Amino acid sequence: MQRAIVVYFLTEKKNNLDELNQLLSEGWRVVSQEPMSGSQSNASMSLVILEK
């Protein structure tokens, strides 16, 4: 089973790294990661494909 999530990091308080860390602690593993661009914000974003 695979799952895709967009991981974003704007600041130390505005990010969803907790969501990614929770999935990893549940046994999901990263299959691939691709940076995303085109945003007008200062956020760093990445498409992460997970597999369990």
N, C-alpha and C. Protein backbone atom coordinates (compact mmCIF):
# COMPACT_ATOMS: atom_id res chain seq x y z
N MET A 1 0.85 -1.16 0.00
CA MET A 1 0.00 0.00 0.00
C MET A 1 0.90 1.23 0.00
N GLN A 2 0.55 2.22 -0.80
CA GLN A 2 1.32 3.46 -0.87
C GLN A 2 0.45 4.65 -0.50
N ARG A 3 1.13 5.69 -0.10
CA ARG A 3 0.45 6.92 0.29
C ARG A 3 1.34 8.09 -0.10
N ALA A 4 0.72 9.17 -0.59
CA ALA A 4 1.47 10.37 -0.97
C ALA A 4 1.09 11.49 -0.01
N ILE A 5 2.08 12.27 0.42
CA ILE A 5 1.82 13.44 1.23
C ILE A 5 2.74 14.57 0.78
N VAL A 6 2.24 15.78 0.87
CA VAL A 6 3.06 16.95 0.58
C VAL A 6 3.55 17.48 1.92
N VAL A 7 4.85 17.40 2.11
CA VAL A 7 5.46 17.90 3.32
C VAL A 7 5.85 19.35 3.08
N TYR A 8 5.46 20.22 4.01
CA TYR A 8 5.80 21.64 3.86
C TYR A 8 6.49 22.15 5.12
N PHE A 9 7.32 23.14 4.94
CA PHE A 9 8.03 23.77 6.05
C PHE A 9 8.10 25.26 5.75
N LEU A 10 7.36 26.03 6.53
CA LEU A 10 7.39 27.48 6.41
C LEU A 10 8.24 28.07 7.53
N THR A 11 7.95 27.67 8.77
CA THR A 11 8.73 28.08 9.94
C THR A 11 8.77 26.90 10.91
N GLU A 12 9.46 27.06 12.01
CA GLU A 12 9.51 26.01 13.04
C GLU A 12 8.12 25.66 13.55
N LYS A 13 7.21 26.61 13.55
CA LYS A 13 5.86 26.37 14.07
C LYS A 13 4.85 26.08 12.97
N LYS A 14 5.15 26.44 11.74
CA LYS A 14 4.23 26.24 10.62
C LYS A 14 4.81 25.22 9.66
N ASN A 15 4.55 23.94 9.98
CA ASN A 15 5.00 22.85 9.12
C ASN A 15 4.18 21.61 9.47
N ASN A 16 4.31 20.57 8.69
CA ASN A 16 3.61 19.32 9.00
C ASN A 16 4.58 18.16 9.18
N LEU A 17 5.74 18.45 9.73
CA LEU A 17 6.72 17.39 9.99
C LEU A 17 6.21 16.39 11.01
N ASP A 18 5.35 16.83 11.94
CA ASP A 18 4.79 15.90 12.92
C ASP A 18 3.97 14.82 12.22
N GLU A 19 3.24 15.20 11.18
CA GLU A 19 2.44 14.22 10.42
C GLU A 19 3.35 13.18 9.77
N LEU A 20 4.44 13.63 9.16
CA LEU A 20 5.38 12.69 8.53
C LEU A 20 6.02 11.80 9.59
N ASN A 21 6.45 12.38 10.70
CA ASN A 21 7.08 11.58 11.76
C ASN A 21 6.12 10.56 12.34
N GLN A 22 4.84 10.91 12.46
CA GLN A 22 3.84 9.98 12.96
C GLN A 22 3.69 8.79 12.02
N LEU A 23 3.61 9.06 10.72
CA LEU A 23 3.50 7.97 9.74
C LEU A 23 4.73 7.07 9.78
N LEU A 24 5.91 7.65 9.90
CA LEU A 24 7.13 6.85 9.97
C LEU A 24 7.14 5.98 11.22
N SER A 25 6.64 6.50 12.34
CA SER A 25 6.61 5.72 13.57
C SER A 25 5.58 4.59 13.49
N GLU A 26 4.60 4.71 12.58
CA GLU A 26 3.60 3.66 12.39
C GLU A 26 4.06 2.59 11.41
N GLY A 27 5.28 2.69 10.94
CA GLY A 27 5.83 1.65 10.07
C GLY A 27 5.88 2.00 8.59
N TRP A 28 5.43 3.18 8.21
CA TRP A 28 5.55 3.61 6.83
C TRP A 28 7.03 3.91 6.55
N ARG A 29 7.44 3.73 5.30
CA ARG A 29 8.83 4.08 4.93
C ARG A 29 8.79 4.92 3.66
N VAL A 30 9.78 5.78 3.52
CA VAL A 30 9.86 6.67 2.37
C VAL A 30 10.35 5.88 1.16
N VAL A 31 9.57 5.92 0.08
CA VAL A 31 9.95 5.27 -1.17
C VAL A 31 10.63 6.28 -2.08
N SER A 32 10.07 7.49 -2.14
CA SER A 32 10.69 8.54 -2.95
C SER A 32 10.30 9.90 -2.41
N GLN A 33 11.06 10.89 -2.82
CA GLN A 33 10.84 12.27 -2.40
C GLN A 33 11.24 13.17 -3.55
N GLU A 34 10.39 14.12 -3.89
CA GLU A 34 10.68 15.07 -4.96
C GLU A 34 10.38 16.48 -4.49
N PRO A 35 11.31 17.40 -4.63
CA PRO A 35 11.02 18.78 -4.26
C PRO A 35 9.97 19.37 -5.20
N MET A 36 9.17 20.25 -4.66
CA MET A 36 8.13 20.92 -5.45
C MET A 36 8.47 22.41 -5.51
N SER A 37 8.19 23.03 -6.64
CA SER A 37 8.47 24.46 -6.79
C SER A 37 7.26 25.15 -7.40
N GLY A 38 7.41 26.42 -7.67
CA GLY A 38 6.34 27.17 -8.29
C GLY A 38 5.50 27.93 -7.30
N SER A 39 5.80 27.79 -6.04
CA SER A 39 5.04 28.49 -5.01
C SER A 39 5.54 29.92 -4.87
N GLN A 40 4.62 30.83 -4.58
CA GLN A 40 4.99 32.23 -4.37
C GLN A 40 5.33 32.50 -2.91
N SER A 41 5.23 31.49 -2.06
CA SER A 41 5.54 31.67 -0.64
C SER A 41 6.98 31.27 -0.35
N ASN A 42 7.37 31.44 0.90
CA ASN A 42 8.72 31.07 1.32
C ASN A 42 8.78 29.63 1.82
N ALA A 43 7.69 28.89 1.68
CA ALA A 43 7.64 27.52 2.18
C ALA A 43 8.47 26.59 1.31
N SER A 44 9.09 25.63 1.96
CA SER A 44 9.74 24.53 1.25
C SER A 44 8.74 23.39 1.21
N MET A 45 8.52 22.84 0.02
CA MET A 45 7.54 21.76 -0.11
C MET A 45 8.16 20.59 -0.86
N SER A 46 7.71 19.39 -0.50
CA SER A 46 8.24 18.20 -1.11
C SER A 46 7.14 17.14 -1.18
N LEU A 47 7.04 16.46 -2.31
CA LEU A 47 6.11 15.35 -2.45
C LEU A 47 6.82 14.10 -1.96
N VAL A 48 6.23 13.44 -0.97
CA VAL A 48 6.84 12.25 -0.37
C VAL A 48 5.90 11.08 -0.61
N ILE A 49 6.43 10.01 -1.17
CA ILE A 49 5.68 8.77 -1.38
C ILE A 49 6.12 7.80 -0.30
N LEU A 50 5.14 7.29 0.45
CA LEU A 50 5.39 6.36 1.53
C LEU A 50 4.81 5.00 1.18
N GLU A 51 5.37 3.95 1.76
CA GLU A 51 4.90 2.59 1.51
C GLU A 51 4.86 1.83 2.82
N LYS A 52 3.87 0.97 2.94
CA LYS A 52 3.78 0.15 4.13
C LYS A 52 3.62 -1.29 3.73
